[in-house]
């Protein structure tokens, strides 16, 4: 080998499942591509699958989604026109719920 590090993909592909406020919404399931998820999986790479699943669930469900914050996704899609309808979560913005709604988007 030439000394170039080998990139190891994360063990799990993780998605958020949710419904928006539209009555016609059939649901959404965007994949999380946040670097925080990859770093968390790398940091815990020596844990069992069950342990890692619990760590991911605590971080990306229990801690991220709670009554004290509002949730906004930073999303992106693929350049391929066939895949363009699919958005992925690139990051999550979590301002305190008590914050003035209009000010959270600036």
N, C-alpha and C. Protein backbone atom coordinates (compact mmCIF):
# COMPACT_ATOMS: atom_id res chain seq x y z
N UNK A 1 0.85 -1.19 0.00
CA UNK A 1 0.00 0.00 0.00
C UNK A 1 0.88 1.24 0.00
N UNK A 2 0.31 2.33 -0.47
CA UNK A 2 1.07 3.57 -0.59
C UNK A 2 0.90 4.49 0.62
N UNK A 3 0.31 4.04 1.69
CA UNK A 3 0.12 4.87 2.88
C UNK A 3 -1.18 5.66 2.89
N UNK A 4 -1.96 5.56 1.82
CA UNK A 4 -3.24 6.25 1.76
C UNK A 4 -4.23 5.56 2.69
N UNK A 5 -4.88 6.33 3.59
CA UNK A 5 -5.83 5.69 4.50
C UNK A 5 -7.02 5.10 3.75
N UNK A 6 -7.53 4.01 4.25
CA UNK A 6 -8.70 3.36 3.66
C UNK A 6 -9.94 3.93 4.33
N UNK A 7 -10.86 4.43 3.52
CA UNK A 7 -12.11 4.96 4.04
C UNK A 7 -13.07 3.81 4.31
N UNK A 8 -13.63 3.81 5.48
CA UNK A 8 -14.58 2.77 5.86
C UNK A 8 -15.97 3.40 5.96
N UNK A 9 -16.94 2.91 5.22
CA UNK A 9 -18.28 3.50 5.28
C UNK A 9 -18.94 3.20 6.63
N UNK A 10 -19.87 4.07 7.06
CA UNK A 10 -20.60 3.80 8.30
C UNK A 10 -21.34 2.47 8.21
N UNK A 11 -21.49 1.81 9.35
CA UNK A 11 -22.16 0.50 9.39
C UNK A 11 -23.64 0.59 9.05
N UNK A 12 -24.30 1.65 9.52
CA UNK A 12 -25.75 1.77 9.34
C UNK A 12 -26.12 2.95 8.47
N UNK A 13 -27.13 2.75 7.62
CA UNK A 13 -27.79 3.84 6.92
C UNK A 13 -29.00 4.19 7.77
N UNK A 14 -29.14 5.45 8.14
CA UNK A 14 -30.18 5.87 9.08
C UNK A 14 -31.12 6.85 8.37
N UNK A 15 -32.41 6.73 8.66
CA UNK A 15 -33.43 7.58 8.05
C UNK A 15 -34.28 8.21 9.14
N UNK A 16 -34.85 9.37 8.84
CA UNK A 16 -35.91 9.94 9.66
C UNK A 16 -37.23 9.59 8.98
N UNK A 17 -38.21 9.13 9.73
CA UNK A 17 -39.56 8.87 9.22
C UNK A 17 -40.49 9.92 9.81
N UNK A 18 -41.21 10.65 8.95
CA UNK A 18 -42.12 11.66 9.48
C UNK A 18 -43.21 11.97 8.46
N UNK A 19 -44.26 12.60 8.94
CA UNK A 19 -45.34 13.11 8.11
C UNK A 19 -45.35 14.62 8.27
N UNK A 20 -45.55 15.35 7.17
CA UNK A 20 -45.66 16.80 7.27
C UNK A 20 -47.11 17.15 7.60
N UNK A 21 -47.39 18.42 7.71
CA UNK A 21 -48.71 18.86 8.17
C UNK A 21 -49.79 18.78 7.09
N UNK A 22 -49.42 18.50 5.87
CA UNK A 22 -50.39 18.41 4.78
C UNK A 22 -51.25 17.16 4.94
N UNK A 23 -52.54 17.32 4.74
CA UNK A 23 -53.46 16.17 4.85
C UNK A 23 -53.17 15.12 3.79
N UNK A 24 -52.60 15.53 2.66
CA UNK A 24 -52.30 14.61 1.58
C UNK A 24 -50.95 13.90 1.74
N UNK A 25 -50.20 14.23 2.77
CA UNK A 25 -48.85 13.70 2.94
C UNK A 25 -48.87 12.18 3.15
N UNK A 26 -48.10 11.49 2.33
CA UNK A 26 -47.98 10.04 2.47
C UNK A 26 -46.80 9.64 3.33
N UNK A 27 -46.09 10.64 3.84
CA UNK A 27 -44.94 10.38 4.69
C UNK A 27 -43.62 10.60 3.95
N UNK A 28 -42.59 10.78 4.72
CA UNK A 28 -41.25 11.03 4.18
C UNK A 28 -40.26 10.15 4.94
N UNK A 29 -39.19 9.75 4.26
CA UNK A 29 -38.18 8.92 4.89
C UNK A 29 -36.79 9.27 4.32
N UNK A 30 -36.33 10.52 4.59
CA UNK A 30 -35.04 10.91 4.05
C UNK A 30 -33.88 10.27 4.82
N UNK A 31 -32.85 9.92 4.08
CA UNK A 31 -31.65 9.35 4.70
C UNK A 31 -30.84 10.47 5.35
N UNK A 32 -30.23 10.18 6.49
CA UNK A 32 -29.39 11.14 7.19
C UNK A 32 -27.97 11.01 6.67
N UNK A 33 -27.44 12.10 6.10
CA UNK A 33 -26.06 12.12 5.62
C UNK A 33 -25.19 13.07 6.46
N UNK A 34 -25.67 13.42 7.63
CA UNK A 34 -24.98 14.33 8.54
C UNK A 34 -23.63 13.74 8.96
N UNK A 35 -22.58 14.55 8.92
CA UNK A 35 -21.25 14.09 9.34
C UNK A 35 -21.23 13.64 10.79
N UNK A 36 -22.11 14.22 11.61
CA UNK A 36 -22.19 13.82 13.02
C UNK A 36 -22.55 12.35 13.15
N UNK A 37 -23.42 11.86 12.27
CA UNK A 37 -23.79 10.44 12.29
C UNK A 37 -22.60 9.57 11.91
N UNK A 38 -21.87 9.96 10.89
CA UNK A 38 -20.69 9.18 10.48
C UNK A 38 -19.64 9.18 11.59
N UNK A 39 -19.41 10.34 12.20
CA UNK A 39 -18.42 10.44 13.28
C UNK A 39 -18.84 9.60 14.49
N UNK A 40 -20.13 9.62 14.82
CA UNK A 40 -20.63 8.82 15.95
C UNK A 40 -20.42 7.33 15.68
N UNK A 41 -20.69 6.90 14.46
CA UNK A 41 -20.49 5.49 14.14
C UNK A 41 -19.00 5.12 14.15
N UNK A 42 -18.16 6.02 13.68
CA UNK A 42 -16.72 5.74 13.69
C UNK A 42 -16.20 5.67 15.13
N UNK A 43 -16.63 6.60 15.95
CA UNK A 43 -16.19 6.63 17.36
C UNK A 43 -16.58 5.34 18.08
N UNK A 44 -17.72 4.77 17.73
CA UNK A 44 -18.24 3.57 18.38
C UNK A 44 -18.10 2.33 17.49
N UNK A 45 -17.09 2.31 16.64
CA UNK A 45 -16.93 1.23 15.65
C UNK A 45 -16.65 -0.13 16.25
N UNK A 46 -16.23 -0.18 17.51
CA UNK A 46 -15.91 -1.47 18.12
C UNK A 46 -17.06 -2.01 18.97
N UNK A 47 -18.20 -1.32 18.98
CA UNK A 47 -19.36 -1.80 19.73
C UNK A 47 -20.14 -2.80 18.86
N UNK A 48 -21.00 -3.56 19.49
CA UNK A 48 -21.84 -4.50 18.75
C UNK A 48 -22.89 -3.72 17.95
N UNK A 49 -23.51 -4.37 16.98
CA UNK A 49 -24.57 -3.73 16.19
C UNK A 49 -25.70 -3.23 17.09
N UNK A 50 -26.10 -4.05 18.06
CA UNK A 50 -27.20 -3.67 18.96
C UNK A 50 -26.83 -2.45 19.80
N UNK A 51 -25.60 -2.42 20.30
CA UNK A 51 -25.16 -1.27 21.10
C UNK A 51 -25.10 0.00 20.24
N UNK A 52 -24.56 -0.13 19.04
CA UNK A 52 -24.46 1.03 18.16
C UNK A 52 -25.84 1.53 17.76
N UNK A 53 -26.76 0.63 17.51
CA UNK A 53 -28.13 1.03 17.18
C UNK A 53 -28.74 1.84 18.33
N UNK A 54 -28.50 1.41 19.56
CA UNK A 54 -29.00 2.14 20.73
C UNK A 54 -28.38 3.52 20.85
N UNK A 55 -27.08 3.62 20.59
CA UNK A 55 -26.38 4.90 20.66
C UNK A 55 -26.94 5.86 19.60
N UNK A 56 -27.13 5.37 18.39
CA UNK A 56 -27.68 6.19 17.31
C UNK A 56 -29.10 6.63 17.64
N UNK A 57 -29.91 5.72 18.14
CA UNK A 57 -31.30 6.05 18.49
C UNK A 57 -31.34 7.12 19.57
N UNK A 58 -30.51 6.98 20.60
CA UNK A 58 -30.49 8.00 21.67
C UNK A 58 -30.11 9.37 21.12
N UNK A 59 -29.08 9.40 20.29
CA UNK A 59 -28.58 10.68 19.77
C UNK A 59 -29.53 11.29 18.75
N UNK A 60 -29.95 10.52 17.76
CA UNK A 60 -30.70 11.08 16.64
C UNK A 60 -32.22 11.00 16.80
N UNK A 61 -32.69 10.40 17.87
CA UNK A 61 -34.13 10.40 18.13
C UNK A 61 -34.42 11.06 19.48
N UNK A 62 -33.95 10.47 20.53
CA UNK A 62 -34.28 10.96 21.88
C UNK A 62 -33.72 12.36 22.13
N UNK A 63 -32.44 12.58 21.83
CA UNK A 63 -31.84 13.89 22.09
C UNK A 63 -32.27 14.94 21.07
N UNK A 64 -32.36 14.55 19.80
CA UNK A 64 -32.70 15.51 18.76
C UNK A 64 -34.16 15.95 18.82
N UNK A 65 -35.04 15.01 19.08
CA UNK A 65 -36.47 15.28 19.06
C UNK A 65 -37.00 15.35 20.48
N UNK A 66 -37.21 16.54 20.97
CA UNK A 66 -37.82 16.69 22.29
C UNK A 66 -38.58 18.01 22.33
N UNK A 67 -39.37 18.18 23.36
CA UNK A 67 -40.27 19.34 23.45
C UNK A 67 -39.55 20.67 23.65
N UNK A 68 -38.26 20.67 23.96
CA UNK A 68 -37.57 21.92 24.24
C UNK A 68 -37.00 22.60 22.98
N UNK A 69 -37.06 21.93 21.83
CA UNK A 69 -36.47 22.50 20.61
C UNK A 69 -37.43 22.41 19.42
N UNK A 70 -37.19 23.25 18.43
CA UNK A 70 -37.85 23.15 17.12
C UNK A 70 -36.86 22.43 16.21
N UNK A 71 -37.37 21.69 15.26
CA UNK A 71 -36.50 20.93 14.36
C UNK A 71 -36.63 21.47 12.94
N UNK A 72 -35.49 21.79 12.35
CA UNK A 72 -35.41 22.17 10.94
C UNK A 72 -34.34 21.30 10.29
N UNK A 73 -34.64 20.78 9.12
CA UNK A 73 -33.66 19.99 8.39
C UNK A 73 -32.94 20.85 7.35
N UNK A 74 -31.64 20.64 7.21
CA UNK A 74 -30.90 21.12 6.05
C UNK A 74 -30.94 19.94 5.09
N UNK A 75 -31.54 20.14 3.92
CA UNK A 75 -31.71 19.02 2.99
C UNK A 75 -31.01 19.30 1.67
N UNK A 76 -30.72 18.25 0.96
CA UNK A 76 -30.14 18.35 -0.38
C UNK A 76 -30.61 17.15 -1.18
N UNK A 77 -30.40 17.22 -2.50
CA UNK A 77 -30.79 16.10 -3.33
C UNK A 77 -29.67 15.74 -4.28
N UNK A 78 -29.88 14.72 -5.04
CA UNK A 78 -28.88 14.22 -5.97
C UNK A 78 -28.94 14.98 -7.29
N UNK A 79 -27.81 15.10 -7.94
CA UNK A 79 -27.76 15.76 -9.24
C UNK A 79 -28.41 14.95 -10.34
N UNK A 80 -28.46 13.63 -10.19
CA UNK A 80 -29.06 12.76 -11.19
C UNK A 80 -30.56 13.04 -11.26
N UNK A 81 -31.06 13.39 -12.42
CA UNK A 81 -32.47 13.76 -12.57
C UNK A 81 -33.43 12.68 -12.11
N UNK A 82 -33.04 11.42 -12.23
CA UNK A 82 -33.90 10.31 -11.78
C UNK A 82 -34.04 10.33 -10.25
N UNK A 83 -32.97 10.71 -9.56
CA UNK A 83 -32.97 10.70 -8.10
C UNK A 83 -33.34 12.06 -7.50
N UNK A 84 -33.59 13.06 -8.32
CA UNK A 84 -33.77 14.42 -7.83
C UNK A 84 -34.96 14.59 -6.89
N UNK A 85 -35.94 13.70 -6.96
CA UNK A 85 -37.09 13.81 -6.06
C UNK A 85 -36.75 13.34 -4.64
N UNK A 86 -35.62 12.71 -4.47
CA UNK A 86 -35.22 12.19 -3.17
C UNK A 86 -34.31 13.18 -2.45
N UNK A 87 -34.75 13.65 -1.30
CA UNK A 87 -33.95 14.57 -0.51
C UNK A 87 -33.32 13.81 0.64
N UNK A 88 -32.14 14.22 1.02
CA UNK A 88 -31.44 13.64 2.17
C UNK A 88 -31.25 14.72 3.22
N UNK A 89 -31.21 14.33 4.49
CA UNK A 89 -30.96 15.26 5.58
C UNK A 89 -29.45 15.42 5.72
N UNK A 90 -28.97 16.64 5.50
CA UNK A 90 -27.55 16.93 5.58
C UNK A 90 -27.16 17.46 6.96
N UNK A 91 -28.14 17.95 7.70
CA UNK A 91 -27.90 18.47 9.03
C UNK A 91 -29.22 18.84 9.68
N UNK A 92 -29.18 19.10 10.97
CA UNK A 92 -30.39 19.45 11.72
C UNK A 92 -30.11 20.73 12.52
N UNK A 93 -31.02 21.69 12.42
CA UNK A 93 -30.94 22.93 13.19
C UNK A 93 -31.98 22.84 14.28
N UNK A 94 -31.57 23.08 15.53
CA UNK A 94 -32.45 22.86 16.68
C UNK A 94 -32.49 24.07 17.61
N UNK A 95 -33.14 25.16 17.23
CA UNK A 95 -33.23 26.31 18.14
C UNK A 95 -34.20 26.00 19.28
N UNK A 96 -34.04 26.66 20.42
CA UNK A 96 -34.97 26.44 21.53
C UNK A 96 -36.41 26.76 21.10
N UNK A 97 -37.35 25.96 21.56
CA UNK A 97 -38.76 26.14 21.19
C UNK A 97 -39.28 27.51 21.62
N UNK A 98 -38.77 28.04 22.72
CA UNK A 98 -39.24 29.33 23.23
C UNK A 98 -38.77 30.50 22.37
N UNK A 99 -37.84 30.27 21.44
CA UNK A 99 -37.33 31.32 20.57
C UNK A 99 -38.44 31.82 19.65
N UNK A 100 -38.43 33.12 19.37
CA UNK A 100 -39.37 33.70 18.43
C UNK A 100 -39.25 32.98 17.09
N UNK A 101 -40.34 32.44 16.57
CA UNK A 101 -40.31 31.62 15.36
C UNK A 101 -39.64 32.34 14.19
N UNK A 102 -39.98 33.60 13.97
CA UNK A 102 -39.42 34.34 12.83
C UNK A 102 -37.91 34.50 12.96
N UNK A 103 -37.39 34.62 14.15
CA UNK A 103 -35.96 34.82 14.34
C UNK A 103 -35.15 33.54 14.17
N UNK A 104 -35.79 32.39 14.22
CA UNK A 104 -35.04 31.12 14.11
C UNK A 104 -34.55 30.87 12.70
N UNK A 105 -35.12 31.56 11.71
CA UNK A 105 -34.77 31.28 10.32
C UNK A 105 -33.75 32.26 9.75
N UNK A 106 -33.22 33.16 10.57
CA UNK A 106 -32.22 34.12 10.09
C UNK A 106 -30.82 33.69 10.45
